[in-house]
Amino acid sequence: MAERDSQTPVYGIAVAAQLSGVPEASLRLFEARGLVSPARSDGGTRRYSDDDIARLRRVTGLRDEGINIAGIRRVMDLEDENADLREQATKTAAERMQGLDPARPSE
């Protein structure tokens, strides 16, 4: 049996609320404010992934520290940007190690 990817949306809103410790109404609010973007089934039902659950836990942790929704969104955006930059840097380093650096002229 194949292992499930952490980005695979599998949890309905009730299960996501239980796993994250966040009431369903707060999940809807967080979605409306752009803090989490669950997938939708063909019928429009929200489906949360393990990554979404981790993100919800991070959001509630920041909220518990006294940060408001706008501040949480900014922190999350910066963390997402940082992760993207790290991924890009890792990819570039790997390409350089393999001699595939596009910035390096061919000889």
Protein backbone atom coordinates (compact mmCIF):
# COMPACT_ATOMS: atom_id res chain seq x y z
CA MET A 1 0.00 0.00 0.00
CA ALA A 2 1.38 3.40 -1.01
CA GLU A 3 2.01 5.98 1.67
CA ARG A 4 -0.26 9.01 1.49
CA ASP A 5 1.25 12.40 0.65
CA SER A 6 0.88 15.12 3.33
CA GLN A 7 -0.79 17.36 0.74
CA THR A 8 -3.57 14.89 -0.07
CA PRO A 9 -6.91 16.35 1.08
CA VAL A 10 -8.73 13.66 3.04
CA TYR A 11 -10.35 15.18 6.14
CA GLY A 12 -13.78 16.76 6.27
CA ILE A 13 -14.28 19.89 8.32
CA ALA A 14 -15.48 18.04 11.45
CA VAL A 15 -12.42 15.79 11.50
CA ALA A 16 -10.10 18.71 10.72
CA ALA A 17 -11.61 20.64 13.62
CA GLN A 18 -11.01 17.72 15.95
CA LEU A 19 -7.45 17.09 14.75
CA SER A 20 -6.45 20.74 14.91
CA GLY A 21 -8.36 21.64 18.07
CA VAL A 22 -10.11 24.48 16.20
CA PRO A 23 -13.90 24.90 16.12
CA GLU A 24 -15.52 24.51 12.71
CA ALA A 25 -16.62 28.16 12.73
CA SER A 26 -13.00 29.23 13.22
CA LEU A 27 -11.92 27.00 10.33
CA ARG A 28 -14.41 28.81 8.12
CA LEU A 29 -13.16 32.18 9.39
CA PHE A 30 -9.53 31.22 8.79
CA GLU A 31 -10.42 30.19 5.25
CA ALA A 32 -12.32 33.44 4.64
CA ARG A 33 -9.28 35.41 5.86
CA GLY A 34 -6.89 33.48 3.62
CA LEU A 35 -5.03 31.64 6.38
CA VAL A 36 -5.84 28.19 5.03
CA SER A 37 -7.10 27.00 1.67
CA PRO A 38 -8.65 23.55 1.91
CA ALA A 39 -9.36 21.65 -1.28
CA ARG A 40 -12.94 21.17 -2.36
CA SER A 41 -14.62 17.96 -3.44
CA ASP A 42 -16.70 17.89 -6.62
CA GLY A 43 -19.71 18.61 -4.41
CA GLY A 44 -18.01 21.61 -2.77
CA THR A 45 -17.18 19.96 0.56
CA ARG A 46 -14.02 21.20 2.24
CA ARG A 47 -11.21 18.64 2.39
CA TYR A 48 -8.18 19.24 4.59
CA SER A 49 -4.75 17.64 4.22
CA ASP A 50 -2.17 16.86 6.89
CA ASP A 51 -0.34 20.01 5.76
CA ASP A 52 -3.54 22.01 6.32
CA ILE A 53 -3.86 20.58 9.83
CA ALA A 54 -0.25 21.56 10.60
CA ARG A 55 -0.93 25.05 9.24
CA LEU A 56 -4.05 25.36 11.42
CA ARG A 57 -2.02 24.40 14.47
CA ARG A 58 0.54 27.09 13.57
CA VAL A 59 -2.25 29.66 13.15
CA THR A 60 -3.73 28.83 16.55
CA GLY A 61 -0.28 28.94 18.13
CA LEU A 62 0.25 32.45 16.80
CA ARG A 63 -3.26 33.44 17.92
CA ASP A 64 -2.50 32.10 21.41
CA GLU A 65 0.60 34.33 21.46
CA GLY A 66 -1.71 37.33 21.03
CA ILE A 67 -1.22 38.02 17.33
CA ASN A 68 -4.32 39.24 15.49
CA ILE A 69 -5.62 37.73 12.23
CA ALA A 70 -3.91 40.32 10.01
CA GLY A 71 -0.61 39.72 11.80
CA ILE A 72 -1.02 35.96 11.54
CA ARG A 73 -1.64 36.25 7.80
CA ARG A 74 1.54 38.32 7.40
CA VAL A 75 3.60 35.84 9.45
CA MET A 76 2.22 32.91 7.46
CA ASP A 77 2.89 34.68 4.14
CA LEU A 78 6.48 35.36 5.18
CA GLU A 79 6.96 31.78 6.33
CA ASP A 80 5.57 30.51 3.02
CA GLU A 81 7.86 32.84 1.08
CA ASN A 82 10.83 31.72 3.17
CA ALA A 83 10.04 28.05 2.50
CA ASP A 84 9.75 28.74 -1.24
CA LEU A 85 13.11 30.54 -1.26
CA ARG A 86 14.77 27.72 0.66
CA GLU A 87 13.37 25.17 -1.80
CA GLN A 88 14.61 27.24 -4.72
CA ALA A 89 18.07 27.62 -3.14
CA THR A 90 18.28 23.88 -2.53
CA LYS A 91 17.31 23.16 -6.13
CA THR A 92 19.87 25.66 -7.46
CA ALA A 93 22.60 24.17 -5.27
CA ALA A 94 21.76 20.67 -6.50
CA GLU A 95 21.89 21.83 -10.12
CA ARG A 96 25.28 23.43 -9.54
CA MET A 97 26.57 20.25 -7.96
CA GLN A 98 25.52 18.38 -11.10
CA GLY A 99 27.09 20.97 -13.39
CA LEU A 100 23.72 22.12 -14.68
CA ASP A 101 24.06 25.74 -13.59
CA PRO A 102 22.12 27.72 -16.23
CA ALA A 103 24.07 30.87 -15.30
CA ARG A 104 27.37 29.18 -16.16
CA PRO A 105 28.40 29.56 -19.80
CA SER A 106 29.00 26.40 -21.80
CA GLU A 107 32.58 25.71 -22.80
